[in-house]
Amino acid sequence: MLPSRKSPYQWVTYSFTHLPLILHHQRELYSLNFARMNFDEQFYQNITQWYTEGIQLQDCHSFLLTDELEQLIGFYLFQRNDSTVYLMQMFVEKGYRGKGYGTLLLGHYEQMGKQLGAVSSFLHASQMNQQAVGFYLENRYVIIDQETDEDGSPRYLMFKNLRNKEAEGS
């Protein structure tokens, strides 16, 4: 029998103890996606509300990806509504970008959505974050609408069918 090799990363289900770590990354996350954002107390209260009330009351789910030393690689937050999931946030730590961890996070999110009965996924991507837009397009998301964010900047509503090809053919 071959010795098992420890995975270089691990999935951690969000708990309230992770909130300070997630809040720590909000300024960078939002700076990548919004031209003008006021990082005041109200901003952080809104994010805190997503991760507390959303998880408890609105069928939101969050996972963190850590390395073997339990250092954060990235995280995501999504909401389930009937047969759809909506990716509210996804973040990859700067030192881990461009190494496939975004794809790993996105795949985990989609798999969790499928396990909850979702057949489609939606998300918003800021037009100013062309790297993110390209990433989602490469991962088979399609732009279905162009909207504006709170600052009046353009963003895309993107969609992906989560049903596997076998299910589509039946």
N, C-alpha and C. Protein backbone atom coordinates (compact mmCIF):
# COMPACT_ATOMS: atom_id res chain seq x y z
N MET A 1 0.85 -1.18 0.00
CA MET A 1 0.00 0.00 0.00
C MET A 1 0.89 1.24 0.00
N LEU A 2 0.55 2.18 -0.86
CA LEU A 2 1.32 3.42 -0.95
C LEU A 2 1.00 4.33 0.23
N PRO A 3 2.01 5.03 0.73
CA PRO A 3 1.72 5.97 1.81
C PRO A 3 0.85 7.12 1.30
N SER A 4 -0.08 7.55 2.11
CA SER A 4 -0.94 8.65 1.68
C SER A 4 -0.17 9.96 1.82
N ARG A 5 -0.38 10.82 0.85
CA ARG A 5 0.27 12.12 0.85
C ARG A 5 -0.72 13.15 1.37
N LYS A 6 -0.30 13.91 2.34
CA LYS A 6 -1.19 14.92 2.91
C LYS A 6 -1.46 16.01 1.87
N SER A 7 -2.70 16.40 1.79
CA SER A 7 -3.09 17.45 0.86
C SER A 7 -2.42 18.77 1.26
N PRO A 8 -2.00 19.56 0.27
CA PRO A 8 -1.36 20.84 0.60
C PRO A 8 -2.36 21.92 1.05
N TYR A 9 -3.62 21.58 1.08
CA TYR A 9 -4.64 22.54 1.50
C TYR A 9 -5.77 21.79 2.19
N GLN A 10 -6.64 22.55 2.87
CA GLN A 10 -7.81 21.96 3.51
C GLN A 10 -8.97 22.94 3.47
N TRP A 11 -10.17 22.38 3.41
CA TRP A 11 -11.39 23.17 3.42
C TRP A 11 -11.87 23.31 4.86
N VAL A 12 -12.26 24.53 5.21
CA VAL A 12 -12.75 24.81 6.56
C VAL A 12 -14.12 25.47 6.41
N THR A 13 -15.11 24.89 7.07
CA THR A 13 -16.44 25.51 7.07
C THR A 13 -16.40 26.76 7.94
N TYR A 14 -16.97 27.83 7.43
CA TYR A 14 -16.98 29.10 8.14
C TYR A 14 -17.60 28.96 9.53
N SER A 15 -16.98 29.60 10.50
CA SER A 15 -17.57 29.79 11.82
C SER A 15 -17.31 31.24 12.22
N PHE A 16 -18.04 31.69 13.20
CA PHE A 16 -17.94 33.09 13.63
C PHE A 16 -16.49 33.47 13.99
N THR A 17 -15.68 32.52 14.41
CA THR A 17 -14.29 32.82 14.76
C THR A 17 -13.47 33.25 13.54
N HIS A 18 -13.96 32.96 12.32
CA HIS A 18 -13.25 33.35 11.10
C HIS A 18 -13.57 34.78 10.67
N LEU A 19 -14.60 35.38 11.27
CA LEU A 19 -15.04 36.70 10.82
C LEU A 19 -13.93 37.75 10.84
N PRO A 20 -13.11 37.87 11.88
CA PRO A 20 -12.03 38.88 11.83
C PRO A 20 -11.08 38.69 10.64
N LEU A 21 -10.77 37.46 10.30
CA LEU A 21 -9.89 37.18 9.16
C LEU A 21 -10.55 37.60 7.86
N ILE A 22 -11.82 37.30 7.71
CA ILE A 22 -12.55 37.68 6.50
C ILE A 22 -12.68 39.20 6.41
N LEU A 23 -13.00 39.85 7.52
CA LEU A 23 -13.11 41.32 7.52
C LEU A 23 -11.78 41.97 7.17
N HIS A 24 -10.69 41.35 7.57
CA HIS A 24 -9.35 41.88 7.29
C HIS A 24 -9.10 42.01 5.78
N HIS A 25 -9.72 41.16 4.98
CA HIS A 25 -9.48 41.14 3.53
C HIS A 25 -10.51 41.91 2.72
N GLN A 26 -11.51 42.47 3.36
CA GLN A 26 -12.59 43.14 2.63
C GLN A 26 -12.12 44.38 1.88
N ARG A 27 -11.22 45.15 2.45
CA ARG A 27 -10.75 46.36 1.77
C ARG A 27 -10.09 46.00 0.43
N GLU A 28 -9.22 44.99 0.44
CA GLU A 28 -8.58 44.59 -0.81
C GLU A 28 -9.60 44.00 -1.78
N LEU A 29 -10.47 43.15 -1.30
CA LEU A 29 -11.49 42.53 -2.14
C LEU A 29 -12.34 43.59 -2.83
N TYR A 30 -12.82 44.54 -2.08
CA TYR A 30 -13.69 45.57 -2.65
C TYR A 30 -12.92 46.58 -3.49
N SER A 31 -11.67 46.84 -3.17
CA SER A 31 -10.87 47.76 -3.97
C SER A 31 -10.63 47.20 -5.38
N LEU A 32 -10.61 45.89 -5.50
CA LEU A 32 -10.45 45.26 -6.82
C LEU A 32 -11.70 45.41 -7.67
N ASN A 33 -12.84 45.67 -7.04
CA ASN A 33 -14.11 45.60 -7.74
C ASN A 33 -14.94 46.87 -7.74
N PHE A 34 -14.57 47.85 -6.96
CA PHE A 34 -15.34 49.08 -6.88
C PHE A 34 -14.39 50.27 -6.98
N ALA A 35 -14.73 51.22 -7.87
CA ALA A 35 -13.88 52.39 -8.06
C ALA A 35 -13.87 53.27 -6.81
N ARG A 36 -15.01 53.41 -6.21
CA ARG A 36 -15.12 54.25 -5.01
C ARG A 36 -15.87 53.48 -3.94
N MET A 37 -15.23 53.27 -2.83
CA MET A 37 -15.87 52.55 -1.73
C MET A 37 -15.47 53.23 -0.44
N ASN A 38 -16.45 53.46 0.40
CA ASN A 38 -16.19 54.08 1.69
C ASN A 38 -16.05 52.96 2.73
N PHE A 39 -14.83 52.73 3.17
CA PHE A 39 -14.57 51.66 4.13
C PHE A 39 -14.76 52.17 5.56
N ASP A 40 -16.01 52.51 5.84
CA ASP A 40 -16.33 53.05 7.15
C ASP A 40 -16.94 51.96 8.03
N GLU A 41 -17.38 52.34 9.20
CA GLU A 41 -17.96 51.38 10.13
C GLU A 41 -19.19 50.70 9.54
N GLN A 42 -20.01 51.44 8.78
CA GLN A 42 -21.21 50.85 8.17
C GLN A 42 -20.85 49.76 7.18
N PHE A 43 -19.79 49.97 6.40
CA PHE A 43 -19.33 48.96 5.45
C PHE A 43 -19.04 47.65 6.17
N TYR A 44 -18.25 47.72 7.24
CA TYR A 44 -17.87 46.51 7.97
C TYR A 44 -19.07 45.89 8.71
N GLN A 45 -20.02 46.71 9.13
CA GLN A 45 -21.24 46.18 9.74
C GLN A 45 -22.05 45.39 8.72
N ASN A 46 -22.10 45.89 7.47
CA ASN A 46 -22.84 45.18 6.42
C ASN A 46 -22.20 43.82 6.13
N ILE A 47 -20.89 43.77 6.04
CA ILE A 47 -20.20 42.51 5.78
C ILE A 47 -20.42 41.55 6.96
N THR A 48 -20.31 42.09 8.17
CA THR A 48 -20.54 41.27 9.37
C THR A 48 -21.95 40.69 9.34
N GLN A 49 -22.91 41.49 8.92
CA GLN A 49 -24.30 41.03 8.85
C GLN A 49 -24.43 39.88 7.84
N TRP A 50 -23.74 39.98 6.69
CA TRP A 50 -23.77 38.90 5.71
C TRP A 50 -23.31 37.59 6.33
N TYR A 51 -22.20 37.69 7.05
CA TYR A 51 -21.58 36.48 7.57
C TYR A 51 -22.20 35.98 8.88
N THR A 52 -23.07 36.75 9.49
CA THR A 52 -23.74 36.27 10.70
C THR A 52 -25.20 35.97 10.39
N GLU A 53 -25.97 36.99 10.07
CA GLU A 53 -27.39 36.77 9.80
C GLU A 53 -27.61 35.96 8.53
N GLY A 54 -26.78 36.20 7.51
CA GLY A 54 -26.92 35.45 6.27
C GLY A 54 -26.74 33.96 6.49
N ILE A 55 -25.72 33.60 7.22
CA ILE A 55 -25.44 32.19 7.49
C ILE A 55 -26.58 31.59 8.33
N GLN A 56 -27.07 32.36 9.29
CA GLN A 56 -28.10 31.85 10.20
C GLN A 56 -29.50 31.86 9.59
N LEU A 57 -29.82 32.90 8.81
CA LEU A 57 -31.21 33.11 8.42
C LEU A 57 -31.50 33.04 6.93
N GLN A 58 -30.49 33.19 6.09
CA GLN A 58 -30.77 33.35 4.66
C GLN A 58 -30.17 32.27 3.78
N ASP A 59 -29.88 31.12 4.32
CA ASP A 59 -29.31 30.01 3.56
C ASP A 59 -28.03 30.41 2.85
N CYS A 60 -27.16 31.13 3.55
CA CYS A 60 -25.83 31.47 3.04
C CYS A 60 -24.83 30.45 3.58
N HIS A 61 -23.79 30.23 2.81
CA HIS A 61 -22.77 29.24 3.16
C HIS A 61 -21.40 29.83 2.82
N SER A 62 -20.42 29.53 3.65
CA SER A 62 -19.08 30.07 3.43
C SER A 62 -18.05 29.01 3.78
N PHE A 63 -16.99 28.97 2.99
CA PHE A 63 -15.88 28.07 3.23
C PHE A 63 -14.58 28.82 3.05
N LEU A 64 -13.59 28.40 3.82
CA LEU A 64 -12.24 28.94 3.70
C LEU A 64 -11.32 27.83 3.23
N LEU A 65 -10.33 28.21 2.46
CA LEU A 65 -9.31 27.28 2.00
C LEU A 65 -8.01 27.70 2.68
N THR A 66 -7.38 26.75 3.38
CA THR A 66 -6.14 27.05 4.08
C THR A 66 -5.04 26.11 3.61
N ASP A 67 -3.80 26.52 3.85
CA ASP A 67 -2.67 25.65 3.51
C ASP A 67 -2.38 24.71 4.67
N GLU A 68 -1.32 23.92 4.54
CA GLU A 68 -1.01 22.93 5.57
C GLU A 68 -0.63 23.56 6.91
N LEU A 69 -0.27 24.85 6.89
CA LEU A 69 0.04 25.58 8.13
C LEU A 69 -1.17 26.36 8.64
N GLU A 70 -2.32 26.09 8.03
CA GLU A 70 -3.59 26.74 8.37
C GLU A 70 -3.59 28.24 8.09
N GLN A 71 -2.76 28.65 7.11
CA GLN A 71 -2.76 30.04 6.65
C GLN A 71 -3.81 30.16 5.54
N LEU A 72 -4.50 31.29 5.52
CA LEU A 72 -5.58 31.49 4.55
C LEU A 72 -5.06 31.54 3.12
N ILE A 73 -5.68 30.75 2.25
CA ILE A 73 -5.45 30.84 0.81
C ILE A 73 -6.58 31.66 0.20
N GLY A 74 -7.82 31.40 0.60
CA GLY A 74 -8.95 32.12 0.06
C GLY A 74 -10.24 31.72 0.75
N PHE A 75 -11.33 32.37 0.35
CA PHE A 75 -12.64 32.07 0.91
C PHE A 75 -13.72 32.46 -0.08
N TYR A 76 -14.92 31.97 0.17
CA TYR A 76 -16.07 32.40 -0.60
C TYR A 76 -17.32 32.35 0.27
N LEU A 77 -18.32 33.09 -0.16
CA LEU A 77 -19.62 33.16 0.49
C LEU A 77 -20.67 33.08 -0.61
N PHE A 78 -21.67 32.22 -0.42
CA PHE A 78 -22.74 32.16 -1.40
C PHE A 78 -24.08 31.99 -0.71
N GLN A 79 -25.12 32.33 -1.47
CA GLN A 79 -26.49 32.19 -0.99
C GLN A 79 -27.24 31.24 -1.92
N ARG A 80 -28.01 30.34 -1.32
CA ARG A 80 -28.85 29.43 -2.10
C ARG A 80 -30.28 29.95 -2.07
N ASN A 81 -30.93 29.88 -3.22
CA ASN A 81 -32.33 30.27 -3.33
C ASN A 81 -32.99 29.30 -4.29
N ASP A 82 -33.80 28.41 -3.75
CA ASP A 82 -34.45 27.36 -4.55
C ASP A 82 -33.39 26.56 -5.31
N SER A 83 -33.42 26.63 -6.63
CA SER A 83 -32.50 25.81 -7.42
C SER A 83 -31.32 26.60 -7.97
N THR A 84 -31.06 27.77 -7.39
CA THR A 84 -29.92 28.57 -7.83
C THR A 84 -29.02 28.90 -6.65
N VAL A 85 -27.77 29.20 -6.96
CA VAL A 85 -26.83 29.73 -5.98
C VAL A 85 -26.26 31.02 -6.53
N TYR A 86 -25.97 31.94 -5.62
CA TYR A 86 -25.42 33.24 -5.99
C TYR A 86 -24.11 33.43 -5.23
N LEU A 87 -23.01 33.57 -5.96
CA LEU A 87 -21.70 33.78 -5.37
C LEU A 87 -21.59 35.25 -4.94
N MET A 88 -21.64 35.48 -3.64
CA MET A 88 -21.62 36.84 -3.10
C MET A 88 -20.20 37.39 -3.01
N GLN A 89 -19.25 36.53 -2.63
CA GLN A 89 -17.86 36.93 -2.50
C GLN A 89 -16.96 35.75 -2.79
N MET A 90 -15.82 36.04 -3.42
CA MET A 90 -14.77 35.05 -3.54
C MET A 90 -13.45 35.82 -3.52
N PHE A 91 -12.51 35.32 -2.74
CA PHE A 91 -11.24 36.02 -2.56
C PHE A 91 -10.10 35.01 -2.51
N VAL A 92 -9.02 35.33 -3.20
CA VAL A 92 -7.78 34.55 -3.12
C VAL A 92 -6.68 35.49 -2.63
N GLU A 93 -5.97 35.05 -1.59
CA GLU A 93 -4.84 35.79 -1.02
C GLU A 93 -3.84 36.11 -2.13
N LYS A 94 -3.29 37.30 -2.11
CA LYS A 94 -2.40 37.79 -3.17
C LYS A 94 -1.29 36.78 -3.52
N GLY A 95 -0.61 36.22 -2.56
CA GLY A 95 0.50 35.29 -2.82
C GLY A 95 0.09 33.98 -3.45
N TYR A 96 -1.21 33.69 -3.47
CA TYR A 96 -1.71 32.44 -4.04
C TYR A 96 -2.37 32.63 -5.41
N ARG A 97 -2.49 33.87 -5.86
CA ARG A 97 -3.16 34.14 -7.13
C ARG A 97 -2.32 33.61 -8.30
N GLY A 98 -3.03 33.17 -9.33
CA GLY A 98 -2.36 32.67 -10.53
C GLY A 98 -1.81 31.27 -10.39
N LYS A 99 -2.20 30.57 -9.33
CA LYS A 99 -1.69 29.21 -9.07
C LYS A 99 -2.79 28.16 -9.07
N GLY A 100 -3.98 28.52 -9.53
CA GLY A 100 -5.07 27.55 -9.62
C GLY A 100 -6.01 27.52 -8.43
N TYR A 101 -5.73 28.32 -7.40
CA TYR A 101 -6.59 28.28 -6.22
C TYR A 101 -7.95 28.91 -6.46
N GLY A 102 -8.02 29.90 -7.35
CA GLY A 102 -9.32 30.47 -7.70
C GLY A 102 -10.21 29.42 -8.34
N THR A 103 -9.64 28.62 -9.22
CA THR A 103 -10.39 27.54 -9.86
C THR A 103 -10.82 26.52 -8.82
N LEU A 104 -9.95 26.24 -7.88
CA LEU A 104 -10.28 25.30 -6.80
C LEU A 104 -11.45 25.84 -5.96
N LEU A 105 -11.39 27.11 -5.58
CA LEU A 105 -12.47 27.73 -4.80
C LEU A 105 -13.78 27.72 -5.59
N LEU A 106 -13.71 28.12 -6.85
CA LEU A 106 -14.92 28.17 -7.67
C LEU A 106 -15.52 26.77 -7.84
N GLY A 107 -14.69 25.78 -8.08
CA GLY A 107 -15.17 24.41 -8.21
C GLY A 107 -15.82 23.90 -6.94
N HIS A 108 -15.23 24.23 -5.80
CA HIS A 108 -15.80 23.82 -4.51
C HIS A 108 -17.16 24.48 -4.31
N TYR A 109 -17.24 25.77 -4.60
CA TYR A 109 -18.51 26.49 -4.49
C TYR A 109 -19.58 25.83 -5.37
N GLU A 110 -19.24 25.54 -6.62
CA GLU A 110 -20.22 24.94 -7.52
C GLU A 110 -20.64 23.56 -7.04
N GLN A 111 -19.70 22.78 -6.53
CA GLN A 111 -20.02 21.45 -6.02
C GLN A 111 -20.94 21.55 -4.80
N MET A 112 -20.65 22.49 -3.91
CA MET A 112 -21.51 22.69 -2.74
C MET A 112 -22.91 23.11 -3.18
N GLY A 113 -22.99 23.97 -4.17
CA GLY A 113 -24.29 24.37 -4.70
C GLY A 113 -25.07 23.20 -5.25
N LYS A 114 -24.39 22.34 -6.01
CA LYS A 114 -25.05 21.14 -6.55
C LYS A 114 -25.55 20.24 -5.42
N GLN A 115 -24.73 20.08 -4.39
CA GLN A 115 -25.14 19.25 -3.26
C GLN A 115 -26.40 19.79 -2.58
N LEU A 116 -26.59 21.10 -2.67
CA LEU A 116 -27.78 21.73 -2.08
C LEU A 116 -28.95 21.78 -3.06
N GLY A 117 -28.78 21.18 -4.24
CA GLY A 117 -29.86 21.10 -5.20
C GLY A 117 -29.87 22.18 -6.26
N ALA A 118 -28.84 22.98 -6.34
CA ALA A 118 -28.80 24.06 -7.34
C ALA A 118 -28.49 23.50 -8.72
N VAL A 119 -29.12 24.08 -9.73
CA VAL A 119 -28.84 23.72 -11.11
C VAL A 119 -28.23 24.88 -11.88
N SER A 120 -28.15 26.05 -11.25
CA SER A 120 -27.55 27.20 -11.90
C SER A 120 -26.87 28.09 -10.88
N SER A 121 -25.89 28.84 -11.38
CA SER A 121 -25.11 29.75 -10.54
C SER A 121 -25.12 31.14 -11.16
N PHE A 122 -25.21 32.13 -10.30
CA PHE A 122 -25.13 33.53 -10.73
C PHE A 122 -24.06 34.23 -9.91
N LEU A 123 -23.50 35.28 -10.47
CA LEU A 123 -22.56 36.14 -9.76
C LEU A 123 -22.49 37.47 -10.49
N HIS A 124 -21.94 38.44 -9.81
CA HIS A 124 -21.64 39.73 -10.43
C HIS A 124 -20.14 39.87 -10.49
N ALA A 125 -19.66 40.42 -11.59
CA ALA A 125 -18.23 40.71 -11.75
C ALA A 125 -18.11 42.15 -12.24
N SER A 126 -17.26 42.89 -11.56
CA SER A 126 -17.05 44.28 -11.92
C SER A 126 -16.30 44.39 -13.25
N GLN A 127 -16.77 45.27 -14.10
CA GLN A 127 -16.09 45.47 -15.38
C GLN A 127 -14.67 45.98 -15.16
N MET A 128 -14.44 46.70 -14.05
CA MET A 128 -13.09 47.21 -13.80
C MET A 128 -12.11 46.10 -13.40
N ASN A 129 -12.61 44.93 -13.01
CA ASN A 129 -11.76 43.80 -12.64
C ASN A 129 -11.76 42.81 -13.81
N GLN A 130 -11.07 43.17 -14.88
CA GLN A 130 -11.06 42.35 -16.08
C GLN A 130 -10.45 40.97 -15.85
N GLN A 131 -9.53 40.87 -14.89
CA GLN A 131 -8.95 39.56 -14.57
C GLN A 131 -10.04 38.62 -14.04
N ALA A 132 -10.91 39.13 -13.17
CA ALA A 132 -12.00 38.31 -12.64
C ALA A 132 -13.00 37.98 -13.74
N VAL A 133 -13.36 38.95 -14.57
CA VAL A 133 -14.30 38.70 -15.65
C VAL A 133 -13.75 37.60 -16.57
N GLY A 134 -12.48 37.71 -16.95
CA GLY A 134 -11.85 36.69 -17.79
C GLY A 134 -11.84 35.32 -17.12
N PHE A 135 -11.55 35.30 -15.82
CA PHE A 135 -11.53 34.06 -15.06
C PHE A 135 -12.88 33.36 -15.11
N TYR A 136 -13.96 34.11 -14.88
CA TYR A 136 -15.29 33.51 -14.90
C TYR A 136 -15.67 33.06 -16.31
N LEU A 137 -15.32 33.84 -17.32
CA LEU A 137 -15.59 33.43 -18.70
C LEU A 137 -14.85 32.13 -19.03
N GLU A 138 -13.60 32.01 -18.59
CA GLU A 138 -12.82 30.78 -18.82
C GLU A 138 -13.45 29.58 -18.11
N ASN A 139 -14.18 29.84 -17.05
CA ASN A 139 -14.83 28.77 -16.28
C ASN A 139 -16.30 28.60 -16.68
N ARG A 140 -16.60 28.94 -17.92
CA ARG A 140 -17.90 28.69 -18.57
C ARG A 140 -19.07 29.51 -18.01
N TYR A 141 -18.78 30.66 -17.41
CA TYR A 141 -19.85 31.60 -17.08
C TYR A 141 -20.08 32.47 -18.29
N VAL A 142 -21.31 32.90 -18.47
CA VAL A 142 -21.65 33.79 -19.58
C VAL A 142 -22.24 35.08 -19.01
N ILE A 143 -21.97 36.16 -19.70
CA ILE A 143 -22.54 37.45 -19.31
C ILE A 143 -23.97 37.50 -19.82
N ILE A 144 -24.91 37.72 -18.90
CA ILE A 144 -26.31 37.77 -19.33
C ILE A 144 -26.90 39.18 -19.21
N ASP A 145 -26.19 40.07 -18.50
CA ASP A 145 -26.69 41.43 -18.38
C ASP A 145 -25.56 42.35 -17.92
N GLN A 146 -25.65 43.61 -18.30
CA GLN A 146 -24.72 44.61 -17.78
C GLN A 146 -25.53 45.56 -16.92
N GLU A 147 -25.05 45.78 -15.71
CA GLU A 147 -25.74 46.62 -14.75
C GLU A 147 -24.76 47.68 -14.25
N THR A 148 -25.17 48.43 -13.25
CA THR A 148 -24.26 49.35 -12.59
C THR A 148 -24.25 49.06 -11.09
N ASP A 149 -23.08 49.25 -10.47
CA ASP A 149 -22.99 49.02 -9.03
C ASP A 149 -23.39 50.28 -8.28
N GLU A 150 -23.21 50.26 -6.99
CA GLU A 150 -23.60 51.38 -6.13
C GLU A 150 -22.91 52.69 -6.50
N ASP A 151 -21.72 52.58 -7.11
CA ASP A 151 -20.96 53.76 -7.53
C ASP A 151 -21.32 54.23 -8.93
N GLY A 152 -22.18 53.47 -9.61
CA GLY A 152 -22.51 53.80 -10.98
C GLY A 152 -21.54 53.19 -11.98
N SER A 153 -20.62 52.35 -11.52
CA SER A 153 -19.66 51.69 -12.40
C SER A 153 -20.29 50.44 -12.99
N PRO A 154 -19.91 50.10 -14.23
CA PRO A 154 -20.51 48.91 -14.85
C PRO A 154 -20.04 47.61 -14.21
N ARG A 155 -20.96 46.67 -14.16
CA ARG A 155 -20.64 45.32 -13.72
C ARG A 155 -21.52 44.36 -14.52
N TYR A 156 -21.08 43.13 -14.57
CA TYR A 156 -21.79 42.11 -15.33
C TYR A 156 -22.51 41.15 -14.40
N LEU A 157 -23.71 40.76 -14.79
CA LEU A 157 -24.39 39.64 -14.17
C LEU A 157 -24.02 38.43 -15.01
N MET A 158 -23.46 37.40 -14.36
CA MET A 158 -22.98 36.23 -15.08
C MET A 158 -23.72 34.99 -14.60
N PHE A 159 -23.81 34.01 -15.47
CA PHE A 159 -24.61 32.80 -15.24
C PHE A 159 -23.83 31.58 -15.71
N LYS A 160 -24.06 30.46 -15.00
CA LYS A 160 -23.53 29.17 -15.44
C LYS A 160 -24.55 28.09 -15.10
N ASN A 161 -24.77 27.20 -16.04
CA ASN A 161 -25.61 26.03 -15.82
C ASN A 161 -24.76 25.02 -15.06
N LEU A 162 -25.23 24.57 -13.90
CA LEU A 162 -24.47 23.62 -13.09
C LEU A 162 -24.82 22.16 -13.37
N ARG A 163 -25.81 21.92 -14.19
CA ARG A 163 -26.16 20.54 -14.51
C ARG A 163 -25.05 19.95 -15.35
N ASN A 164 -24.67 18.72 -15.03
CA ASN A 164 -23.62 18.08 -15.82
C ASN A 164 -24.18 17.68 -17.18
N LYS A 165 -23.29 17.41 -18.11
CA LYS A 165 -23.71 17.10 -19.48
C LYS A 165 -24.60 15.87 -19.56
N GLU A 166 -24.37 14.89 -18.70
CA GLU A 166 -25.22 13.69 -18.71
C GLU A 166 -26.66 14.06 -18.35
N ALA A 167 -26.82 14.94 -17.35
CA ALA A 167 -28.17 15.34 -16.93
C ALA A 167 -28.84 16.17 -18.02
N GLU A 168 -28.06 16.99 -18.76
CA GLU A 168 -28.64 17.82 -19.80
C GLU A 168 -29.18 16.96 -20.94
N GLY A 169 -28.53 15.82 -21.21
CA GLY A 169 -28.94 14.97 -22.31
C GLY A 169 -30.15 14.10 -21.99
N SER A 170 -30.57 14.04 -20.72
CA SER A 170 -31.70 13.16 -20.38
C SER A 170 -33.02 13.86 -20.48
